[in-house]
Amino acid sequence: MWWEGGAVGYIDQRLLPHRFESATASTVTQVAEAITGMAVRGAPTIGVMAAYGIALATTTGESLSDAYDTLLSTRPTAVNLKVGLDTVMAAGPDVGDKPDAAAILGAARMHDNSEVTAARDIGRHGAKLLAHGSRVLTHCNAGWMAAQDWGTATSPIYTGAREGMNPFVWVSETRPRLQGARITAWEMVNEGIDHRLIADSAGAQLMRQRKVDIVITGADRIAANGDTANKIGTYSHALAARANGIPFYIATPLTTFDTDTPDGESIPIEERDEDEMVFVEGLTDTGEIQRVRVAPLETKVVNPAFDVTPATLITGFITEVGVIPATPDAIADVFRHPIRW
């Protein structure tokens, strides 16, 4: 997504891979609806979207505090959202009786650029963990759409591919919204990277068969002790990786760490609408996008959007400043001395 002509432009991720269309948000309410409705998703990307939402409020005359509260309430789990909001709110002192619109927009653009740079550097550090032909399993979408350009979990893959390492990717479908099947697979096609789409539950079997060399996922919030919230199903992959002696890494910018949250039990887990579970959407033979119900009308649903992977199952965090061990001391140290790693 991007700032253009006094509005926020974005790619509507709900339409991928069958249609590639952009849209525009001209009010804070429209920005909030794009985030809540998953037109824009991915922890770093929604943080940038929210930052531009505050900039938008300065042009529409909306209250910044009201805009902040509205945007903060859209997605509770990803801490990058709050980081983006706090960054721009701190940047614009009032000029007379109005906020400094130019300073706030400048801060939003700077936050956007810093997330792009972080994602690029995650790739530089993460590619060192790959060998020629490494078989990488990833979950959900932590690529272009989720992290403003390079992605997080995909950045080492894209960097490795550009360096001639010829990585292979297992793309887990990621029920119920299928971000792996719809978006990550689409990115791999566009990057020309060899990949196979698998059911989420196939990952453990592939690991047991020694067909996976490394697992890399993104994250939505990392607690002070290293416990990590990511798309539902991540914990299962981490358990399977540990059982089969396969390294499990989280690729993430430092903006995803929340040192004010002590552990995974303290991370709020978003519960989403039951329709995501009981309906599936896809392209028909006639080229139409249709939605069909797959569960009985009487069936009730529980639909947590995220799970928490304990730090003890995580090999390390691939960040823009290097690979950080998944320990409380290492996390605390990196925020004291970020260039050390």
C-alpha atoms as a PDB file:
ATOM      1  CA  MET A   1       0.000   0.000   0.000  1.00  0.00           C
ATOM      2  CA  TRP A   2       1.063   3.605  -0.524  1.00  0.00           C
ATOM      3  CA  TRP A   3       0.226   7.278  -0.053  1.00  0.00           C
ATOM      4  CA  GLU A   4      -0.929   9.036  -3.200  1.00  0.00           C
ATOM      5  CA  GLY A   5      -2.819  12.254  -3.824  1.00  0.00           C
ATOM      6  CA  GLY A   6      -3.963  12.723  -0.245  1.00  0.00           C
ATOM      7  CA  ALA A   7      -5.356   9.197   0.081  1.00  0.00           C
ATOM      8  CA  VAL A   8      -4.119   5.705   0.916  1.00  0.00           C
ATOM      9  CA  GLY A   9      -3.878   3.310  -2.013  1.00  0.00           C
ATOM     10  CA  TYR A  10      -3.684  -0.429  -1.505  1.00  0.00           C
ATOM     11  CA  ILE A  11      -3.865  -3.775  -3.281  1.00  0.00           C
ATOM     12  CA  ASP A  12      -7.037  -5.618  -2.301  1.00  0.00           C
ATOM     13  CA  GLN A  13      -5.592  -8.918  -1.075  1.00  0.00           C
ATOM     14  CA  ARG A  14      -9.029 -10.544  -0.873  1.00  0.00           C
ATOM     15  CA  LEU A  15      -9.124 -10.800  -4.667  1.00  0.00           C
ATOM     16  CA  LEU A  16      -5.773 -12.544  -5.137  1.00  0.00           C
ATOM     17  CA  PRO A  17      -4.716 -14.599  -7.014  1.00  0.00           C
ATOM     18  CA  HIS A  18      -7.570 -14.385  -9.505  1.00  0.00           C
ATOM     19  CA  ARG A  19      -7.784 -10.606  -9.728  1.00  0.00           C
ATOM     20  CA  PHE A  20      -5.147  -7.953  -9.092  1.00  0.00           C
ATOM     21  CA  GLU A  21      -6.883  -4.711  -8.229  1.00  0.00           C
ATOM     22  CA  SER A  22      -6.045  -1.626  -6.221  1.00  0.00           C
ATOM     23  CA  ALA A  23      -8.410   0.519  -4.179  1.00  0.00           C
ATOM     24  CA  THR A  24      -8.285   3.821  -2.326  1.00  0.00           C
ATOM     25  CA  ALA A  25      -9.137   4.791   1.247  1.00  0.00           C
ATOM     26  CA  SER A  26     -10.012   8.467   1.652  1.00  0.00           C
ATOM     27  CA  THR A  27     -11.169   8.438   5.285  1.00  0.00           C
ATOM     28  CA  VAL A  28      -9.996   6.870   8.516  1.00  0.00           C
ATOM     29  CA  THR A  29     -13.132   4.710   8.517  1.00  0.00           C
ATOM     30  CA  GLN A  30     -12.207   3.332   5.104  1.00  0.00           C
ATOM     31  CA  VAL A  31      -8.673   2.585   6.292  1.00  0.00           C
ATOM     32  CA  ALA A  32     -10.081   0.754   9.316  1.00  0.00           C
ATOM     33  CA  GLU A  33     -12.496  -1.218   7.141  1.00  0.00           C
ATOM     34  CA  ALA A  34      -9.677  -2.256   4.797  1.00  0.00           C
ATOM     35  CA  ILE A  35      -7.699  -3.614   7.754  1.00  0.00           C
ATOM     36  CA  THR A  36     -10.617  -5.270   9.552  1.00  0.00           C
ATOM     37  CA  GLY A  37     -11.962  -6.779   6.342  1.00  0.00           C
ATOM     38  CA  MET A  38      -8.539  -8.225   5.411  1.00  0.00           C
ATOM     39  CA  ALA A  39      -8.232  -6.231   2.194  1.00  0.00           C
ATOM     40  CA  VAL A  40      -4.914  -5.201   3.746  1.00  0.00           C
ATOM     41  CA  ARG A  41      -3.245  -7.725   6.020  1.00  0.00           C
ATOM     42  CA  GLY A  42       0.148  -8.806   7.339  1.00  0.00           C
ATOM     43  CA  ALA A  43       1.594  -7.378  10.535  1.00  0.00           C
ATOM     44  CA  PRO A  44       4.141  -4.903   9.088  1.00  0.00           C
ATOM     45  CA  THR A  45       1.796  -3.822   6.294  1.00  0.00           C
ATOM     46  CA  ILE A  46      -1.134  -3.010   8.569  1.00  0.00           C
ATOM     47  CA  GLY A  47       1.250  -1.022  10.765  1.00  0.00           C
ATOM     48  CA  VAL A  48       2.178   1.082   7.741  1.00  0.00           C
ATOM     49  CA  MET A  49      -1.478   1.341   6.674  1.00  0.00           C
ATOM     50  CA  ALA A  50      -2.443   2.581  10.132  1.00  0.00           C
ATOM     51  CA  ALA A  51       0.389   5.137  10.084  1.00  0.00           C
ATOM     52  CA  TYR A  52      -0.903   6.547   6.822  1.00  0.00           C
ATOM     53  CA  GLY A  53      -4.402   6.484   8.343  1.00  0.00           C
ATOM     54  CA  ILE A  54      -3.268   8.999  10.956  1.00  0.00           C
ATOM     55  CA  ALA A  55      -1.742  11.127   8.203  1.00  0.00           C
ATOM     56  CA  LEU A  56      -5.062  10.936   6.398  1.00  0.00           C
ATOM     57  CA  ALA A  57      -6.876  12.217   9.490  1.00  0.00           C
ATOM     58  CA  THR A  58      -4.815  15.415   9.369  1.00  0.00           C
ATOM     59  CA  THR A  59      -6.097  16.137   5.852  1.00  0.00           C
ATOM     60  CA  THR A  60      -9.747  15.330   6.561  1.00  0.00           C
ATOM     61  CA  GLY A  61      -9.911  17.239   9.832  1.00  0.00           C
ATOM     62  CA  GLU A  62     -10.729  14.128  11.883  1.00  0.00           C
ATOM     63  CA  SER A  63      -9.638  13.960  15.508  1.00  0.00           C
ATOM     64  CA  LEU A  64      -6.245  12.261  15.755  1.00  0.00           C
ATOM     65  CA  SER A  65      -7.099  10.652  19.068  1.00  0.00           C
ATOM     66  CA  ASP A  66     -10.338   9.259  17.633  1.00  0.00           C
ATOM     67  CA  ALA A  67      -8.485   8.046  14.540  1.00  0.00           C
ATOM     68  CA  TYR A  68      -5.879   6.397  16.762  1.00  0.00           C
ATOM     69  CA  ASP A  69      -8.523   4.566  18.803  1.00  0.00           C
ATOM     70  CA  THR A  70     -10.439   3.470  15.703  1.00  0.00           C
ATOM     71  CA  LEU A  71      -7.385   2.095  13.963  1.00  0.00           C
ATOM     72  CA  LEU A  72      -5.922   0.465  17.072  1.00  0.00           C
ATOM     73  CA  SER A  73      -9.117  -1.539  17.557  1.00  0.00           C
ATOM     74  CA  THR A  74      -9.068  -3.107  14.078  1.00  0.00           C
ATOM     75  CA  ARG A  75      -6.742  -6.083  14.716  1.00  0.00           C
ATOM     76  CA  PRO A  76      -5.753  -6.896  18.336  1.00  0.00           C
ATOM     77  CA  THR A  77      -2.904  -9.385  17.893  1.00  0.00           C
ATOM     78  CA  ALA A  78      -0.332  -7.745  15.590  1.00  0.00           C
ATOM     79  CA  VAL A  79       1.702  -5.265  17.636  1.00  0.00           C
ATOM     80  CA  ASN A  80       3.114  -3.607  14.480  1.00  0.00           C
ATOM     81  CA  LEU A  81      -0.239  -1.837  14.205  1.00  0.00           C
ATOM     82  CA  LYS A  82       0.334   0.006  17.476  1.00  0.00           C
ATOM     83  CA  VAL A  83       3.969   0.691  16.602  1.00  0.00           C
ATOM     84  CA  GLY A  84       2.949   2.395  13.370  1.00  0.00           C
ATOM     85  CA  LEU A  85       0.320   4.464  15.139  1.00  0.00           C
ATOM     86  CA  ASP A  86       2.594   5.491  18.014  1.00  0.00           C
ATOM     87  CA  THR A  87       5.392   6.427  15.610  1.00  0.00           C
ATOM     88  CA  VAL A  88       3.330   8.988  13.734  1.00  0.00           C
ATOM     89  CA  MET A  89       1.419  10.260  16.771  1.00  0.00           C
ATOM     90  CA  ALA A  90       4.733  11.190  18.390  1.00  0.00           C
ATOM     91  CA  ALA A  91       6.017  12.976  15.298  1.00  0.00           C
ATOM     92  CA  GLY A  92       3.619  15.860  14.783  1.00  0.00           C
ATOM     93  CA  PRO A  93       3.507  18.643  17.378  1.00  0.00           C
ATOM     94  CA  ASP A  94       0.588  21.006  17.024  1.00  0.00           C
ATOM     95  CA  VAL A  95       1.036  24.063  14.794  1.00  0.00           C
ATOM     96  CA  GLY A  96      -1.323  26.589  16.309  1.00  0.00           C
ATOM     97  CA  ASP A  97      -4.454  24.601  17.073  1.00  0.00           C
ATOM     98  CA  LYS A  98      -3.855  21.929  14.426  1.00  0.00           C
ATOM     99  CA  PRO A  99      -1.471  18.950  14.196  1.00  0.00           C
ATOM    100  CA  ASP A 100       1.553  19.306  11.939  1.00  0.00           C
ATOM    101  CA  ALA A 101       0.243  17.407   8.913  1.00  0.00           C
ATOM    102  CA  ALA A 102       3.553  17.523   7.039  1.00  0.00           C
ATOM    103  CA  ALA A 103       5.490  16.099   9.990  1.00  0.00           C
ATOM    104  CA  ILE A 104       2.966  13.300  10.487  1.00  0.00           C
ATOM    105  CA  LEU A 105       2.973  12.344   6.799  1.00  0.00           C
ATOM    106  CA  GLY A 106       6.758  12.447   6.831  1.00  0.00           C
ATOM    107  CA  ALA A 107       6.829  10.126   9.839  1.00  0.00           C
ATOM    108  CA  ALA A 108       4.413   7.727   8.122  1.00  0.00           C
ATOM    109  CA  ARG A 109       6.598   7.645   5.013  1.00  0.00           C
ATOM    110  CA  MET A 110       9.690   7.113   7.133  1.00  0.00           C
ATOM    111  CA  HIS A 111       8.005   4.227   8.954  1.00  0.00           C
ATOM    112  CA  ASP A 112       7.006   2.732   5.592  1.00  0.00           C
ATOM    113  CA  ASN A 113      10.561   2.982   4.251  1.00  0.00           C
ATOM    114  CA  SER A 114      12.063   1.572   7.441  1.00  0.00           C
ATOM    115  CA  GLU A 115       9.845  -1.530   7.229  1.00  0.00           C
ATOM    116  CA  VAL A 116      10.892  -2.066   3.596  1.00  0.00           C
ATOM    117  CA  THR A 117      14.550  -1.727   4.567  1.00  0.00           C
ATOM    118  CA  ALA A 118      14.081  -4.088   7.516  1.00  0.00           C
ATOM    119  CA  ALA A 119      12.504  -6.710   5.265  1.00  0.00           C
ATOM    120  CA  ARG A 120      15.378  -6.444   2.795  1.00  0.00           C
ATOM    121  CA  ASP A 121      17.932  -6.889   5.584  1.00  0.00           C
ATOM    122  CA  ILE A 122      16.008  -9.858   6.993  1.00  0.00           C
ATOM    123  CA  GLY A 123      16.606 -11.486   3.621  1.00  0.00           C
ATOM    124  CA  ARG A 124      20.307 -10.712   3.735  1.00  0.00           C
ATOM    125  CA  HIS A 125      20.719 -12.337   7.149  1.00  0.00           C
ATOM    126  CA  GLY A 126      18.287 -15.189   6.544  1.00  0.00           C
ATOM    127  CA  ALA A 127      19.808 -16.274   3.233  1.00  0.00           C
ATOM    128  CA  LYS A 128      22.927 -17.258   5.164  1.00  0.00           C
ATOM    129  CA  LEU A 129      20.856 -20.025   6.804  1.00  0.00           C
ATOM    130  CA  LEU A 130      20.074 -21.595   3.422  1.00  0.00           C
ATOM    131  CA  ALA A 131      22.201 -23.935   1.326  1.00  0.00           C
ATOM    132  CA  HIS A 132      21.915 -24.503  -2.407  1.00  0.00           C
ATOM    133  CA  GLY A 133      18.577 -26.205  -3.048  1.00  0.00           C
ATOM    134  CA  SER A 134      17.312 -25.793   0.526  1.00  0.00           C
ATOM    135  CA  ARG A 135      13.737 -26.987   0.958  1.00  0.00           C
ATOM    136  CA  VAL A 136      11.908 -24.345   2.983  1.00  0.00           C
ATOM    137  CA  LEU A 137       8.483 -24.800   4.548  1.00  0.00           C
ATOM    138  CA  THR A 138       6.568 -21.601   5.251  1.00  0.00           C
ATOM    139  CA  HIS A 139       3.118 -20.878   6.607  1.00  0.00           C
ATOM    140  CA  CYS A 140       0.516 -18.209   5.823  1.00  0.00           C
ATOM    141  CA  ASN A 141       1.741 -15.253   3.774  1.00  0.00           C
ATOM    142  CA  ALA A 142       4.725 -13.317   5.063  1.00  0.00           C
ATOM    143  CA  GLY A 143       5.719 -11.957   1.670  1.00  0.00           C
ATOM    144  CA  TRP A 144       5.239  -8.855  -0.474  1.00  0.00           C
ATOM    145  CA  MET A 145       1.636  -8.394   0.600  1.00  0.00           C
ATOM    146  CA  ALA A 146       2.321  -8.810   4.312  1.00  0.00           C
ATOM    147  CA  ALA A 147       5.446  -6.734   4.726  1.00  0.00           C
ATOM    148  CA  GLN A 148       5.752  -3.971   2.157  1.00  0.00           C
ATOM    149  CA  ASP A 149       8.047  -5.400  -0.524  1.00  0.00           C
ATOM    150  CA  TRP A 150      10.432  -8.242   0.333  1.00  0.00           C
ATOM    151  CA  GLY A 151       8.313  -9.843   3.004  1.00  0.00           C
ATOM    152  CA  THR A 152       9.693 -11.381   6.163  1.00  0.00           C
ATOM    153  CA  ALA A 153       9.671 -15.198   5.919  1.00  0.00           C
ATOM    154  CA  THR A 154       9.941 -14.955   2.136  1.00  0.00           C
ATOM    155  CA  SER A 155      12.785 -12.440   2.126  1.00  0.00           C
ATOM    156  CA  PRO A 156      15.545 -15.043   2.721  1.00  0.00           C
ATOM    157  CA  ILE A 157      13.967 -17.154  -0.035  1.00  0.00           C
ATOM    158  CA  TYR A 158      13.864 -14.286  -2.529  1.00  0.00           C
ATOM    159  CA  THR A 159      17.381 -13.186  -1.599  1.00  0.00           C
ATOM    160  CA  GLY A 160      18.688 -16.742  -1.896  1.00  0.00           C
ATOM    161  CA  ALA A 161      17.041 -17.137  -5.287  1.00  0.00           C
ATOM    162  CA  ARG A 162      18.685 -13.951  -6.537  1.00  0.00           C
ATOM    163  CA  GLU A 163      22.029 -15.275  -5.322  1.00  0.00           C
ATOM    164  CA  GLY A 164      21.598 -18.468  -7.355  1.00  0.00           C
ATOM    165  CA  MET A 165      20.823 -20.758  -4.406  1.00  0.00           C
ATOM    166  CA  ASN A 166      17.747 -22.260  -6.108  1.00  0.00           C
ATOM    167  CA  PRO A 167      15.554 -22.689  -3.002  1.00  0.00           C
ATOM    168  CA  PHE A 168      12.453 -24.873  -3.078  1.00  0.00           C
ATOM    169  CA  VAL A 169       9.372 -23.905  -1.058  1.00  0.00           C
ATOM    170  CA  TRP A 170       6.626 -25.960   0.568  1.00  0.00           C
ATOM    171  CA  VAL A 171       3.630 -23.602   0.777  1.00  0.00           C
ATOM    172  CA  SER A 172       1.098 -24.626   3.418  1.00  0.00           C
ATOM    173  CA  GLU A 173      -2.427 -23.613   2.402  1.00  0.00           C
ATOM    174  CA  THR A 174      -3.232 -21.871   5.715  1.00  0.00           C
ATOM    175  CA  ARG A 175      -6.849 -22.536   6.551  1.00  0.00           C
ATOM    176  CA  PRO A 176      -9.265 -20.936   6.949  1.00  0.00           C
ATOM    177  CA  ARG A 177      -8.434 -17.869   4.841  1.00  0.00           C
ATOM    178  CA  LEU A 178      -5.943 -19.750   2.661  1.00  0.00           C
ATOM    179  CA  GLN A 179      -3.344 -16.978   2.529  1.00  0.00           C
ATOM    180  CA  GLY A 180      -0.701 -19.559   1.663  1.00  0.00           C
ATOM    181  CA  ALA A 181      -2.676 -21.048  -1.223  1.00  0.00           C
ATOM    182  CA  ARG A 182      -3.947 -17.730  -2.516  1.00  0.00           C
ATOM    183  CA  ILE A 183      -1.111 -15.290  -1.872  1.00  0.00           C
ATOM    184  CA  THR A 184       2.194 -17.019  -1.059  1.00  0.00           C
ATOM    185  CA  ALA A 185       1.789 -19.436  -3.975  1.00  0.00           C
ATOM    186  CA  TRP A 186       0.969 -16.457  -6.223  1.00  0.00           C
ATOM    187  CA  GLU A 187       4.138 -14.703  -5.063  1.00  0.00           C
ATOM    188  CA  MET A 188       6.225 -17.816  -5.750  1.00  0.00           C
ATOM    189  CA  VAL A 189       4.802 -18.022  -9.276  1.00  0.00           C
ATOM    190  CA  ASN A 190       5.683 -14.387  -9.886  1.00  0.00           C
ATOM    191  CA  GLU A 191       9.187 -14.852  -8.438  1.00  0.00           C
ATOM    192  CA  GLY A 192       9.770 -17.977 -10.541  1.00  0.00           C
ATOM    193  CA  ILE A 193      10.542 -20.084  -7.451  1.00  0.00           C
ATOM    194  CA  ASP A 194       9.883 -23.815  -7.515  1.00  0.00           C
ATOM    195  CA  HIS A 195       7.227 -24.661  -4.963  1.00  0.00           C
ATOM    196  CA  ARG A 196       4.440 -27.066  -4.065  1.00  0.00           C
ATOM    197  CA  LEU A 197       1.194 -26.280  -2.277  1.00  0.00           C
ATOM    198  CA  ILE A 198       0.389 -28.621   0.613  1.00  0.00           C
ATOM    199  CA  ALA A 199      -2.391 -29.047   3.146  1.00  0.00           C
ATOM    200  CA  ASP A 200      -1.458 -27.585   6.513  1.00  0.00           C
ATOM    201  CA  SER A 201      -1.484 -31.032   8.097  1.00  0.00           C
ATOM    202  CA  ALA A 202       0.951 -32.428   5.478  1.00  0.00           C
ATOM    203  CA  GLY A 203       3.899 -30.526   6.914  1.00  0.00           C
ATOM    204  CA  ALA A 204       4.628 -33.002   9.697  1.00  0.00           C
ATOM    205  CA  GLN A 205       4.711 -35.946   7.302  1.00  0.00           C
ATOM    206  CA  LEU A 206       7.074 -34.142   4.953  1.00  0.00           C
ATOM    207  CA  MET A 207       9.355 -33.374   7.888  1.00  0.00           C
ATOM    208  CA  ARG A 208       9.278 -37.006   8.984  1.00  0.00           C
ATOM    209  CA  GLN A 209      10.276 -38.021   5.463  1.00  0.00           C
ATOM    210  CA  ARG A 210      13.246 -35.601   5.625  1.00  0.00           C
ATOM    211  CA  LYS A 211      11.843 -33.506   2.780  1.00  0.00           C
ATOM    212  CA  VAL A 212      12.086 -30.235   4.723  1.00  0.00           C
ATOM    213  CA  ASP A 213      15.410 -28.608   5.596  1.00  0.00           C
ATOM    214  CA  ILE A 214      14.195 -25.510   7.421  1.00  0.00           C
ATOM    215  CA  VAL A 215      10.922 -23.909   8.510  1.00  0.00           C
ATOM    216  CA  ILE A 216      10.592 -20.120   8.324  1.00  0.00           C
ATOM    217  CA  THR A 217       7.426 -18.248   9.256  1.00  0.00           C
ATOM    218  CA  GLY A 218       6.538 -14.667  10.062  1.00  0.00           C
ATOM    219  CA  ALA A 219       5.060 -13.333  13.292  1.00  0.00           C
ATOM    220  CA  ASP A 220       2.415 -10.930  14.542  1.00  0.00           C
ATOM    221  CA  ARG A 221       3.709 -10.371  18.066  1.00  0.00           C
ATOM    222  CA  ILE A 222       6.726 -11.625  19.992  1.00  0.00           C
ATOM    223  CA  ALA A 223       6.609 -11.419  23.768  1.00  0.00           C
ATOM    224  CA  ALA A 224       9.546 -10.443  25.958  1.00  0.00           C
ATOM    225  CA  ASN A 225      10.329 -14.106  26.680  1.00  0.00           C
ATOM    226  CA  GLY A 226      10.297 -15.076  22.974  1.00  0.00           C
ATOM    227  CA  ASP A 227       6.850 -16.688  22.815  1.00  0.00           C
ATOM    228  CA  THR A 228       5.464 -15.843  19.386  1.00  0.00           C
ATOM    229  CA  ALA A 229       1.969 -15.315  18.004  1.00  0.00           C
ATOM    230  CA  ASN A 230       1.526 -16.090  14.322  1.00  0.00           C
ATOM    231  CA  LYS A 231      -1.170 -17.402  12.019  1.00  0.00           C
ATOM    232  CA  ILE A 232      -3.077 -20.380  13.400  1.00  0.00           C
ATOM    233  CA  GLY A 233      -1.242 -23.586  12.520  1.00  0.00           C
ATOM    234  CA  THR A 234       2.250 -22.223  13.174  1.00  0.00           C
ATOM    235  CA  TYR A 235       2.479 -23.994  16.535  1.00  0.00           C
ATOM    236  CA  SER A 236       1.739 -27.339  14.862  1.00  0.00           C
ATOM    237  CA  HIS A 237       4.595 -26.820  12.398  1.00  0.00           C
ATOM    238  CA  ALA A 238       6.922 -25.873  15.256  1.00  0.00           C
ATOM    239  CA  LEU A 239       6.062 -29.037  17.180  1.00  0.00           C
ATOM    240  CA  ALA A 240       6.660 -31.181  14.101  1.00  0.00           C
ATOM    241  CA  ALA A 241       9.954 -29.434  13.402  1.00  0.00           C
ATOM    242  CA  ARG A 242      11.187 -30.043  16.943  1.00  0.00           C
ATOM    243  CA  ALA A 243      10.127 -33.714  16.818  1.00  0.00           C
ATOM    244  CA  ASN A 244      12.095 -34.193  13.604  1.00  0.00           C
ATOM    245  CA  GLY A 245      15.175 -32.122  14.452  1.00  0.00           C
ATOM    246  CA  ILE A 246      14.477 -29.424  11.849  1.00  0.00           C
ATOM    247  CA  PRO A 247      15.385 -25.781  12.564  1.00  0.00           C
ATOM    248  CA  PHE A 248      12.379 -23.503  13.040  1.00  0.00           C
ATOM    249  CA  TYR A 249      12.943 -19.780  12.528  1.00  0.00           C
ATOM    250  CA  ILE A 250      10.734 -16.721  12.846  1.00  0.00           C
ATOM    251  CA  ALA A 251      11.558 -13.943  10.361  1.00  0.00           C
ATOM    252  CA  THR A 252      10.441 -10.584  11.703  1.00  0.00           C
ATOM    253  CA  PRO A 253      11.362  -6.916  11.979  1.00  0.00           C
ATOM    254  CA  LEU A 254      12.089  -5.514  15.412  1.00  0.00           C
ATOM    255  CA  THR A 255       8.730  -3.727  15.291  1.00  0.00           C
ATOM    256  CA  THR A 256       7.054  -7.097  15.922  1.00  0.00           C
ATOM    257  CA  PHE A 257       8.687  -7.493  19.345  1.00  0.00           C
ATOM    258  CA  ASP A 258       6.567  -6.354  22.262  1.00  0.00           C
ATOM    259  CA  THR A 259       8.754  -6.164  25.337  1.00  0.00           C
ATOM    260  CA  ASP A 260       5.785  -4.901  27.368  1.00  0.00           C
ATOM    261  CA  THR A 261       4.077  -8.285  26.921  1.00  0.00           C
ATOM    262  CA  PRO A 262       5.828 -10.755  29.238  1.00  0.00           C
ATOM    263  CA  ASP A 263       4.853 -14.057  27.607  1.00  0.00           C
ATOM    264  CA  GLY A 264       2.586 -15.806  25.165  1.00  0.00           C
ATOM    265  CA  GLU A 265      -0.261 -16.165  27.617  1.00  0.00           C
ATOM    266  CA  SER A 266      -0.511 -12.369  27.680  1.00  0.00           C
ATOM    267  CA  ILE A 267      -0.859 -11.969  23.894  1.00  0.00           C
ATOM    268  CA  PRO A 268      -4.442 -11.202  22.812  1.00  0.00           C
ATOM    269  CA  ILE A 269      -5.652 -13.737  20.255  1.00  0.00           C
ATOM    270  CA  GLU A 270      -8.119 -12.446  17.691  1.00  0.00           C
ATOM    271  CA  GLU A 271     -11.291 -14.488  17.182  1.00  0.00           C
ATOM    272  CA  ARG A 272     -12.725 -14.052  13.707  1.00  0.00           C
ATOM    273  CA  ASP A 273     -16.134 -14.617  12.120  1.00  0.00           C
ATOM    274  CA  GLU A 274     -17.414 -18.179  11.733  1.00  0.00           C
ATOM    275  CA  ASP A 275     -18.097 -17.594   8.026  1.00  0.00           C
ATOM    276  CA  GLU A 276     -14.368 -17.917   7.376  1.00  0.00           C
ATOM    277  CA  MET A 277     -14.607 -21.543   8.483  1.00  0.00           C
ATOM    278  CA  VAL A 278     -17.882 -22.674   6.965  1.00  0.00           C
ATOM    279  CA  PHE A 279     -17.525 -21.026   3.549  1.00  0.00           C
ATOM    280  CA  VAL A 280     -14.821 -21.309   0.892  1.00  0.00           C
ATOM    281  CA  GLU A 281     -14.380 -19.037  -2.101  1.00  0.00           C
ATOM    282  CA  GLY A 282     -12.768 -19.719  -5.438  1.00  0.00           C
ATOM    283  CA  LEU A 283     -12.782 -19.462  -9.204  1.00  0.00           C
ATOM    284  CA  THR A 284     -15.343 -21.510 -11.122  1.00  0.00           C
ATOM    285  CA  ASP A 285     -14.784 -23.139 -14.516  1.00  0.00           C
ATOM    286  CA  THR A 286     -16.608 -20.199 -16.068  1.00  0.00           C
ATOM    287  CA  GLY A 287     -14.237 -17.660 -14.523  1.00  0.00           C
ATOM    288  CA  GLU A 288     -16.552 -16.442 -11.778  1.00  0.00           C
ATOM    289  CA  ILE A 289     -15.530 -16.046  -8.142  1.00  0.00           C
ATOM    290  CA  GLN A 290     -18.119 -17.816  -6.006  1.00  0.00           C
ATOM    291  CA  ARG A 291     -18.539 -18.701  -2.349  1.00  0.00           C
ATOM    292  CA  VAL A 292     -19.935 -22.048  -1.211  1.00  0.00           C
ATOM    293  CA  ARG A 293     -20.785 -23.493   2.210  1.00  0.00           C
ATOM    294  CA  VAL A 294     -18.978 -26.666   3.285  1.00  0.00           C
ATOM    295  CA  ALA A 295     -20.289 -27.257   6.830  1.00  0.00           C
ATOM    296  CA  PRO A 296     -23.797 -28.094   8.076  1.00  0.00           C
ATOM    297  CA  LEU A 297     -26.029 -25.139   8.880  1.00  0.00           C
ATOM    298  CA  GLU A 298     -26.300 -26.299  12.506  1.00  0.00           C
ATOM    299  CA  THR A 299     -22.538 -26.510  13.107  1.00  0.00           C
ATOM    300  CA  LYS A 300     -21.033 -23.934  15.463  1.00  0.00           C
ATOM    301  CA  VAL A 301     -17.507 -22.614  14.964  1.00  0.00           C
ATOM    302  CA  VAL A 302     -14.503 -21.479  16.973  1.00  0.00           C
ATOM    303  CA  ASN A 303     -12.141 -19.492  14.759  1.00  0.00           C
ATOM    304  CA  PRO A 304      -8.957 -18.221  16.462  1.00  0.00           C
ATOM    305  CA  ALA A 305      -6.870 -16.360  13.903  1.00  0.00           C
ATOM    306  CA  PHE A 306      -3.550 -16.960  15.668  1.00  0.00           C
ATOM    307  CA  ASP A 307      -1.748 -19.390  17.942  1.00  0.00           C
ATOM    308  CA  VAL A 308       1.289 -19.014  20.174  1.00  0.00           C
ATOM    309  CA  THR A 309       4.520 -20.927  19.639  1.00  0.00           C
ATOM    310  CA  PRO A 310       6.609 -21.194  22.831  1.00  0.00           C
ATOM    311  CA  ALA A 311      10.120 -19.776  22.614  1.00  0.00           C
ATOM    312  CA  THR A 312      11.526 -23.195  23.487  1.00  0.00           C
ATOM    313  CA  LEU A 313      10.468 -24.441  20.034  1.00  0.00           C
ATOM    314  CA  ILE A 314      12.046 -21.534  18.130  1.00  0.00           C
ATOM    315  CA  THR A 315      15.619 -21.832  16.861  1.00  0.00           C
ATOM    316  CA  GLY A 316      15.996 -18.083  16.445  1.00  0.00           C
ATOM    317  CA  PHE A 317      14.553 -14.822  15.135  1.00  0.00           C
ATOM    318  CA  ILE A 318      15.787 -13.568  11.774  1.00  0.00           C
ATOM    319  CA  THR A 319      15.678  -9.770  12.078  1.00  0.00           C
ATOM    320  CA  GLU A 320      17.106  -6.756  10.255  1.00  0.00           C
ATOM    321  CA  VAL A 321      20.011  -6.697  12.722  1.00  0.00           C
ATOM    322  CA  GLY A 322      20.838 -10.412  12.524  1.00  0.00           C
ATOM    323  CA  VAL A 323      19.677 -13.724  13.951  1.00  0.00           C
ATOM    324  CA  ILE A 324      18.652 -13.413  17.602  1.00  0.00           C
ATOM    325  CA  PRO A 325      18.416 -16.436  19.923  1.00  0.00           C
ATOM    326  CA  ALA A 326      14.893 -17.051  21.218  1.00  0.00           C
ATOM    327  CA  THR A 327      15.697 -16.195  24.825  1.00  0.00           C
ATOM    328  CA  PRO A 328      14.563 -13.325  27.093  1.00  0.00           C
ATOM    329  CA  ASP A 329      18.151 -12.162  27.634  1.00  0.00           C
ATOM    330  CA  ALA A 330      18.960 -12.061  23.924  1.00  0.00           C
ATOM    331  CA  ILE A 331      15.761 -10.153  23.152  1.00  0.00           C
ATOM    332  CA  ALA A 332      16.406  -7.633  25.918  1.00  0.00           C
ATOM    333  CA  ASP A 333      20.007  -7.254  24.771  1.00  0.00           C
ATOM    334  CA  VAL A 334      19.119  -6.523  21.157  1.00  0.00           C
ATOM    335  CA  PHE A 335      16.977  -3.578  22.204  1.00  0.00           C
ATOM    336  CA  ARG A 336      19.815  -2.249  24.332  1.00  0.00           C
ATOM    337  CA  HIS A 337      22.451  -2.801  21.620  1.00  0.00           C
ATOM    338  CA  PRO A 338      20.662  -3.354  18.278  1.00  0.00           C
ATOM    339  CA  ILE A 339      23.799  -3.276  16.089  1.00  0.00           C
ATOM    340  CA  ARG A 340      25.564  -5.989  18.076  1.00  0.00           C
ATOM    341  CA  TRP A 341      23.813  -8.812  16.275  1.00  0.00           C
END
